[in-house]
Amino acid sequence: MERTIARRGIVKAHIRFVKNSETSLAMLCFSFNTSRLDEEQLEKSVMLLQEQTDFSPLLVCDDGTFMTFMKDMHLHRCVQVVKNIQETLRKSLNAEMEYGALTIIDKEDSYDTLMARMERYLAQAKEIGEGKICYGTAKYNFCTEGGEEEIFANFFADNQKVTLYNFYNGMPLSEEVNVLSYQKGVLRVKTSLAKSAFLKNEPFTFLKHPLLPDTVKADIANAVPNRAEVILSNLRFIDKSPVDRENIRVMPDETIEAFIECANGEEIAGLIHSLAVNSIAVNLERVEMTEICFEGDEKHVVISFDLPEREKRKTHIRISAILRYKKADQLIFSIYPNHYFKQKIESYIALQQTRLITIMQKMVLNFYQG
């Protein structure tokens, strides 16, 4: 009885917080298989959950499921965090989050409506099994069959504006556009003349709106600059979106050679493809060297390169890095620059942004001049 009352009080406090603030707050319930874990594994699992949910309270419910909260993150980001938690638990601790439910607390929610939604999501996820996390909002349920098309139809019937995102050499470009129509999976939007001219040469775009539970990716079927219209098709929700990057990524406008110093003493040479304050992508000259450099679970390296500055000066950067992804001839690293190197990278990114904005302004001017 005391546990139920305590849980109700905690949930109601979070609902009150949402009603009185503009902060996004998600609620996560999940079934966690603890039967095959020893005390140390269980302790480390709880530590991971606490760290990844910003030390929100972790409650044990009467039915054996766990409950916690995720603050200041929209739904798409919460889903990504939960999937990362699942993967880390599985690989590092041999622990399984069997199924779960995730939702954003709505300002109109009461305790009863919120808990009913979570119970419905949990039942759906349990039926599917295999680590399924059912998620959604008070209005949108991603676990219903054909849910995406229903979500799009309902959303565009109620909302006449949406924000489009694209990237020019890594720099994000966004514009709020008017919805003209949505029929049978095809969306027509009204943009500016310059934006429609830019999108004519782009294969896809991203859509976001506070009421959409995830970022939407859409193919650009056609762009008509003289009418400032763009026709989008194949709309789909995506969990990992470049729109949500915390740091701006830019592509160098000149060749920057990078050297990857491996833990075993080997060195790989490559060219910087793109750079952010917290990550770097390097195109390799000799792909076969990756097998020598990254033996077993070894992912730590040191990366060095000469970063251009103003007036043709350069700063020699040498930073520690961890390999995150490998794709074709490209390696993507998380990087950890010290304060001095971080300032230099930030200055370079700002310089590149200024250059790209100037180029975009010229493109718009050329378009209007015909």
Protein backbone atom coordinates (compact mmCIF):
# COMPACT_ATOMS: atom_id res chain seq x y z
CA MET A 1 0.00 0.00 0.00
CA GLU A 2 2.75 2.45 0.96
CA ARG A 3 4.62 1.71 -2.29
CA THR A 4 1.49 2.44 -4.37
CA ILE A 5 0.84 5.72 -2.54
CA ALA A 6 4.46 6.78 -2.92
CA ARG A 7 4.41 6.00 -6.65
CA ARG A 8 1.17 7.94 -7.11
CA GLY A 9 2.63 10.94 -5.31
CA ILE A 10 5.81 10.90 -7.42
CA VAL A 11 3.89 10.58 -10.71
CA LYS A 12 1.48 13.37 -9.74
CA ALA A 13 4.40 15.61 -8.81
CA HIS A 14 5.87 15.10 -12.30
CA ILE A 15 2.49 15.84 -13.92
CA ARG A 16 2.24 19.06 -11.88
CA PHE A 17 5.77 20.01 -12.97
CA VAL A 18 4.78 19.65 -16.65
CA LYS A 19 1.64 21.74 -16.19
CA ASN A 20 3.64 24.55 -14.55
CA SER A 21 6.65 24.63 -16.89
CA GLU A 22 7.67 24.44 -20.54
CA THR A 23 10.09 21.56 -19.93
CA SER A 24 9.54 18.28 -21.76
CA LEU A 25 9.27 15.30 -19.40
CA ALA A 26 9.07 11.64 -20.42
CA MET A 27 7.98 8.65 -18.37
CA LEU A 28 9.58 5.23 -18.88
CA CYS A 29 8.27 1.91 -17.57
CA PHE A 30 10.03 -1.36 -18.35
CA SER A 31 10.39 -5.00 -17.39
CA PHE A 32 13.94 -5.91 -16.46
CA ASN A 33 15.07 -9.54 -16.22
CA THR A 34 17.07 -9.67 -12.99
CA SER A 35 16.87 -13.44 -12.43
CA ARG A 36 20.17 -14.24 -14.13
CA LEU A 37 22.11 -11.30 -12.70
CA ASP A 38 24.35 -11.45 -9.66
CA GLU A 39 24.45 -8.56 -7.17
CA GLU A 40 27.34 -6.81 -8.91
CA GLN A 41 25.66 -6.95 -12.34
CA LEU A 42 22.37 -5.67 -10.91
CA GLU A 43 24.15 -2.85 -9.12
CA LYS A 44 25.98 -1.81 -12.30
CA SER A 45 22.73 -1.99 -14.28
CA VAL A 46 21.03 0.37 -11.84
CA MET A 47 24.05 2.70 -11.97
CA LEU A 48 23.84 2.82 -15.77
CA LEU A 49 20.10 3.55 -15.69
CA GLN A 50 20.63 6.33 -13.17
CA GLU A 51 23.42 7.94 -15.15
CA GLN A 52 21.58 7.78 -18.48
CA THR A 53 18.34 9.22 -17.04
CA ASP A 54 20.08 12.09 -15.25
CA PHE A 55 19.61 10.46 -11.82
CA SER A 56 15.83 10.49 -11.92
CA PRO A 57 14.06 8.35 -9.29
CA LEU A 58 13.95 4.64 -10.16
CA LEU A 59 10.82 3.02 -8.74
CA VAL A 60 9.89 -0.65 -8.44
CA CYS A 61 6.18 -1.15 -9.18
CA ASP A 62 3.87 -3.79 -7.69
CA ASP A 63 3.93 -5.88 -10.89
CA GLY A 64 7.74 -6.01 -10.84
CA THR A 65 8.28 -3.43 -13.58
CA PHE A 66 10.48 -0.37 -13.08
CA MET A 67 9.55 3.27 -13.56
CA THR A 68 11.71 6.33 -14.11
CA PHE A 69 11.60 9.75 -15.82
CA MET A 70 13.63 11.57 -18.46
CA LYS A 71 13.74 15.35 -18.21
CA ASP A 72 14.21 18.02 -20.86
CA MET A 73 14.23 15.62 -23.83
CA HIS A 74 11.69 15.27 -26.61
CA LEU A 75 10.34 11.85 -27.50
CA HIS A 76 12.76 11.11 -30.37
CA ARG A 77 15.75 11.79 -28.11
CA CYS A 78 14.29 9.67 -25.29
CA VAL A 79 13.81 6.73 -27.66
CA GLN A 80 17.43 6.99 -28.75
CA VAL A 81 18.66 7.10 -25.13
CA VAL A 82 16.57 4.04 -24.19
CA LYS A 83 17.88 2.08 -27.17
CA ASN A 84 21.45 3.00 -26.19
CA ILE A 85 20.72 1.81 -22.63
CA GLN A 86 19.36 -1.49 -23.97
CA GLU A 87 22.42 -2.04 -26.14
CA THR A 88 24.86 -1.19 -23.34
CA LEU A 89 23.07 -3.45 -20.84
CA ARG A 90 23.10 -6.31 -23.33
CA LYS A 91 26.74 -5.99 -24.41
CA SER A 92 28.39 -4.95 -21.15
CA LEU A 93 26.34 -6.72 -18.48
CA ASN A 94 24.44 -9.46 -20.33
CA ALA A 95 21.25 -7.88 -18.99
CA GLU A 96 17.99 -7.53 -20.90
CA MET A 97 15.30 -4.86 -20.81
CA GLU A 98 12.56 -7.30 -21.90
CA TYR A 99 9.91 -4.77 -22.94
CA GLY A 100 8.89 -1.26 -22.02
CA ALA A 101 6.68 1.78 -22.51
CA LEU A 102 7.70 5.38 -23.04
CA THR A 103 5.57 8.50 -23.31
CA ILE A 104 5.78 12.27 -23.02
CA ILE A 105 3.67 13.61 -20.16
CA ASP A 106 1.04 15.94 -21.60
CA LYS A 107 -0.16 19.14 -19.95
CA GLU A 108 -3.71 17.75 -20.12
CA ASP A 109 -2.77 14.45 -18.47
CA SER A 110 -4.23 13.32 -15.17
CA TYR A 111 -2.78 10.48 -13.14
CA ASP A 112 -5.42 8.11 -14.48
CA THR A 113 -4.99 9.00 -18.17
CA LEU A 114 -1.20 8.82 -17.96
CA MET A 115 -1.14 5.45 -16.19
CA ALA A 116 -3.78 4.02 -18.52
CA ARG A 117 -1.64 5.00 -21.51
CA MET A 118 1.48 3.44 -19.99
CA GLU A 119 -0.38 0.22 -19.14
CA ARG A 120 -1.67 0.03 -22.72
CA TYR A 121 1.83 0.54 -24.14
CA LEU A 122 3.29 -2.02 -21.73
CA ALA A 123 0.70 -4.63 -22.74
CA GLN A 124 1.42 -4.02 -26.43
CA ALA A 125 5.21 -4.21 -25.91
CA LYS A 126 4.92 -7.37 -23.79
CA GLU A 127 2.88 -9.06 -26.51
CA ILE A 128 5.52 -8.21 -29.14
CA GLY A 129 8.44 -9.05 -26.82
CA GLU A 130 12.11 -9.15 -27.92
CA GLY A 131 13.02 -5.94 -26.16
CA LYS A 132 10.23 -3.92 -27.78
CA ILE A 133 9.66 -0.40 -26.43
CA CYS A 134 6.20 0.96 -27.33
CA TYR A 135 6.14 4.73 -27.28
CA GLY A 136 4.03 7.71 -28.19
CA THR A 137 2.20 10.74 -26.83
CA ALA A 138 -1.29 11.45 -25.58
CA LYS A 139 -2.36 11.66 -29.22
CA TYR A 140 0.03 9.42 -31.19
CA ASN A 141 0.70 5.72 -30.60
CA PHE A 142 3.60 4.23 -32.54
CA CYS A 143 2.68 0.65 -31.69
CA THR A 144 -0.57 0.58 -33.65
CA GLU A 145 -0.42 -1.12 -37.03
CA GLY A 146 -0.08 1.41 -39.84
CA GLY A 147 0.42 3.98 -37.11
CA GLU A 148 2.66 6.32 -39.08
CA GLU A 149 0.22 7.02 -41.90
CA GLU A 150 -2.56 7.62 -39.38
CA ILE A 151 -0.30 9.98 -37.42
CA PHE A 152 0.59 11.96 -40.56
CA ALA A 153 -3.00 12.22 -41.74
CA ASN A 154 -4.25 13.43 -38.35
CA PHE A 155 -1.33 15.80 -37.83
CA PHE A 156 -1.50 17.58 -41.21
CA ALA A 157 -5.28 17.85 -40.89
CA ASP A 158 -4.81 19.82 -37.66
CA ASN A 159 -1.56 21.72 -38.33
CA GLN A 160 -0.83 24.08 -41.20
CA LYS A 161 2.82 24.80 -40.47
CA VAL A 162 5.93 22.66 -40.09
CA THR A 163 9.68 23.34 -40.03
CA LEU A 164 11.91 21.98 -42.81
CA TYR A 165 15.59 21.25 -42.12
CA ASN A 166 18.43 20.68 -44.57
CA PHE A 167 22.19 20.98 -44.47
CA TYR A 168 24.62 22.86 -46.68
CA ASN A 169 28.16 21.52 -46.22
CA GLY A 170 27.14 20.45 -42.75
CA MET A 171 25.52 23.76 -41.74
CA PRO A 172 21.83 23.42 -40.75
CA LEU A 173 19.28 25.45 -42.72
CA SER A 174 15.73 25.67 -41.42
CA GLU A 175 12.51 27.37 -42.50
CA GLU A 176 8.93 27.28 -41.28
CA VAL A 177 6.68 26.42 -44.23
CA ASN A 178 2.93 26.28 -44.85
CA VAL A 179 1.19 22.97 -45.48
CA LEU A 180 -0.87 23.10 -48.69
CA SER A 181 -2.17 19.53 -48.70
CA TYR A 182 -1.53 15.97 -47.58
CA GLN A 183 -3.08 13.10 -49.54
CA LYS A 184 -2.14 9.43 -49.77
CA GLY A 185 1.36 9.93 -48.42
CA VAL A 186 2.19 13.02 -50.51
CA LEU A 187 2.77 16.36 -48.78
CA ARG A 188 2.74 19.72 -50.61
CA VAL A 189 4.27 22.72 -48.82
CA LYS A 190 4.73 26.41 -49.61
CA THR A 191 8.28 27.72 -49.10
CA SER A 192 10.24 30.81 -50.00
CA LEU A 193 11.50 31.14 -53.58
CA ALA A 194 15.10 30.74 -52.47
CA LYS A 195 14.37 27.65 -50.35
CA SER A 196 12.47 25.92 -53.14
CA ALA A 197 15.34 26.62 -55.53
CA PHE A 198 17.78 25.11 -53.05
CA LEU A 199 15.59 22.04 -52.43
CA LYS A 200 15.29 21.38 -56.17
CA ASN A 201 18.80 19.91 -56.03
CA GLU A 202 18.35 18.04 -52.72
CA PRO A 203 17.22 14.38 -52.50
CA PHE A 204 15.47 14.66 -49.13
CA THR A 205 14.56 16.97 -46.26
CA PHE A 206 13.70 16.69 -42.56
CA LEU A 207 10.48 17.87 -40.87
CA LYS A 208 9.96 18.79 -37.24
CA HIS A 209 7.12 20.17 -35.14
CA PRO A 210 6.63 20.24 -31.34
CA LEU A 211 3.56 17.99 -31.72
CA LEU A 212 5.30 15.43 -33.91
CA PRO A 213 6.72 12.68 -31.70
CA ASP A 214 9.84 12.18 -33.86
CA THR A 215 11.82 13.79 -36.62
CA VAL A 216 10.37 13.00 -40.06
CA LYS A 217 12.51 12.34 -43.13
CA ALA A 218 10.89 12.87 -46.54
CA ASP A 219 12.03 12.42 -50.13
CA ILE A 220 11.80 15.49 -52.35
CA ALA A 221 9.65 14.32 -55.26
CA ASN A 222 9.61 17.74 -56.93
CA ALA A 223 10.35 21.40 -56.28
CA VAL A 224 8.74 24.21 -58.29
CA PRO A 225 10.71 27.43 -57.63
CA ASN A 226 8.47 29.72 -59.69
CA ARG A 227 5.54 28.73 -57.43
CA ALA A 228 7.70 28.30 -54.32
CA GLU A 229 6.23 24.85 -53.78
CA VAL A 230 7.85 21.56 -52.78
CA ILE A 231 6.27 18.11 -53.08
CA LEU A 232 7.40 15.51 -50.54
CA SER A 233 6.84 11.75 -50.51
CA ASN A 234 7.87 8.65 -48.54
CA LEU A 235 7.47 10.34 -45.15
CA ARG A 236 8.88 8.25 -42.30
CA PHE A 237 9.86 8.76 -38.69
CA ILE A 238 13.52 8.29 -37.78
CA ASP A 239 15.06 7.72 -34.35
CA LYS A 240 18.49 9.15 -35.09
CA SER A 241 18.39 12.52 -36.79
CA PRO A 242 21.15 14.97 -37.78
CA VAL A 243 18.68 17.73 -36.90
CA ASP A 244 19.17 16.88 -33.23
CA ARG A 245 22.94 17.11 -33.15
CA GLU A 246 24.07 19.11 -30.16
CA ASN A 247 26.96 20.62 -32.13
CA ILE A 248 27.19 22.01 -35.65
CA ARG A 249 29.28 19.91 -38.03
CA VAL A 250 31.11 21.56 -40.95
CA MET A 251 32.99 20.24 -43.95
CA PRO A 252 36.38 21.84 -44.66
CA ASP A 253 36.68 23.83 -47.87
CA GLU A 254 40.31 22.74 -48.21
CA THR A 255 42.21 19.49 -47.77
CA ILE A 256 43.11 18.80 -44.12
CA GLU A 257 45.28 15.74 -43.58
CA ALA A 258 44.74 13.83 -40.32
CA PHE A 259 46.95 11.22 -38.67
CA ILE A 260 45.44 8.54 -36.44
CA GLU A 261 47.92 7.22 -33.87
CA CYS A 262 46.83 3.71 -32.87
CA ALA A 263 47.34 2.15 -29.46
CA ASN A 264 49.69 -0.49 -30.94
CA GLY A 265 52.00 2.14 -32.44
CA GLU A 266 50.63 2.00 -36.00
CA GLU A 267 49.55 5.18 -37.79
CA ILE A 268 46.77 5.72 -40.33
CA ALA A 269 46.65 8.72 -42.65
CA GLY A 270 43.40 10.19 -43.89
CA LEU A 271 41.56 13.37 -44.82
CA ILE A 272 39.06 15.16 -42.59
CA HIS A 273 35.57 14.84 -44.05
CA SER A 274 33.73 16.82 -41.36
CA LEU A 275 34.39 18.29 -37.94
CA ALA A 276 32.38 19.24 -34.85
CA VAL A 277 33.45 20.20 -31.34
CA ASN A 278 32.79 16.68 -30.09
CA SER A 279 33.33 14.52 -33.18
CA ILE A 280 35.33 14.10 -36.36
CA ALA A 281 34.89 12.04 -39.54
CA VAL A 282 38.02 10.93 -41.39
CA ASN A 283 38.17 9.49 -44.91
CA LEU A 284 40.92 6.87 -45.17
CA GLU A 285 43.61 6.49 -47.77
CA ARG A 286 44.28 2.83 -46.83
CA VAL A 287 41.14 1.11 -45.52
CA GLU A 288 42.96 -2.14 -44.75
CA MET A 289 44.92 -0.40 -41.98
CA THR A 290 41.80 -0.28 -39.78
CA GLU A 291 42.10 -4.01 -39.07
CA ILE A 292 45.61 -3.47 -37.74
CA CYS A 293 44.77 -0.36 -35.77
CA PHE A 294 41.56 -1.48 -34.07
CA GLU A 295 42.37 -4.95 -32.80
CA GLY A 296 39.81 -6.58 -30.49
CA ASP A 297 37.90 -4.04 -28.42
CA GLU A 298 40.54 -1.32 -28.70
CA LYS A 299 38.83 1.91 -29.80
CA HIS A 300 41.05 4.63 -28.28
CA VAL A 301 43.42 6.61 -30.51
CA VAL A 302 45.08 10.00 -30.78
CA ILE A 303 44.29 12.17 -33.81
CA SER A 304 46.49 15.03 -34.98
CA PHE A 305 46.01 17.58 -37.76
CA ASP A 306 46.81 21.19 -38.66
CA LEU A 307 43.68 23.32 -38.37
CA PRO A 308 43.53 26.42 -40.63
CA GLU A 309 42.97 29.84 -39.05
CA ARG A 310 42.64 33.34 -40.42
CA GLU A 311 45.43 34.88 -42.50
CA LYS A 312 46.67 31.42 -43.58
CA ARG A 313 47.88 30.48 -40.11
CA LYS A 314 47.46 26.98 -38.74
CA THR A 315 47.25 25.41 -35.29
CA HIS A 316 48.54 21.90 -34.69
CA ILE A 317 45.77 19.94 -32.96
CA ARG A 318 46.43 16.70 -31.09
CA ILE A 319 43.44 15.15 -29.30
CA SER A 320 42.33 11.83 -27.82
CA ALA A 321 39.46 10.08 -29.60
CA ILE A 322 37.26 6.99 -29.46
CA LEU A 323 36.07 5.19 -32.59
CA ARG A 324 32.27 5.17 -32.81
CA TYR A 325 31.44 3.99 -36.33
CA LYS A 326 33.08 2.55 -39.43
CA LYS A 327 31.43 2.88 -42.83
CA ALA A 328 33.11 2.14 -46.17
CA ASP A 329 36.30 4.23 -46.19
CA GLN A 330 35.28 6.55 -43.35
CA LEU A 331 35.87 6.46 -39.60
CA ILE A 332 33.77 8.54 -37.19
CA PHE A 333 35.22 9.40 -33.78
CA SER A 334 34.10 11.12 -30.60
CA ILE A 335 36.86 13.58 -29.68
CA TYR A 336 37.88 15.11 -26.36
CA PRO A 337 39.80 18.37 -26.96
CA ASN A 338 41.23 20.35 -24.07
CA HIS A 339 40.00 23.90 -23.50
CA TYR A 340 42.56 25.47 -25.87
CA PHE A 341 41.93 23.05 -28.72
CA LYS A 342 38.16 23.29 -28.21
CA GLN A 343 38.35 27.08 -28.64
CA LYS A 344 40.35 26.65 -31.83
CA ILE A 345 37.83 24.16 -33.26
CA GLU A 346 34.92 26.45 -32.32
CA SER A 347 36.64 29.37 -34.07
CA TYR A 348 37.19 27.27 -37.19
CA ILE A 349 33.53 26.19 -37.24
CA ALA A 350 32.40 29.82 -36.87
CA LEU A 351 34.72 30.80 -39.73
CA GLN A 352 33.27 28.08 -41.94
CA GLN A 353 29.73 29.11 -41.05
CA THR A 354 30.43 32.69 -42.09
CA ARG A 355 31.86 31.48 -45.39
CA LEU A 356 28.88 29.22 -46.06
CA ILE A 357 26.38 31.96 -45.23
CA THR A 358 28.13 34.23 -47.76
CA ILE A 359 27.90 31.50 -50.41
CA MET A 360 24.20 30.96 -49.65
CA GLN A 361 23.53 34.69 -49.93
CA LYS A 362 25.16 34.71 -53.36
CA MET A 363 23.06 31.71 -54.42
CA VAL A 364 19.87 33.54 -53.38
CA LEU A 365 20.98 36.72 -55.16
CA ASN A 366 21.77 34.79 -58.35
CA PHE A 367 18.35 33.12 -58.20
CA TYR A 368 16.47 36.43 -57.93
CA GLN A 369 18.57 37.98 -60.68
CA GLY A 370 17.55 35.12 -62.94
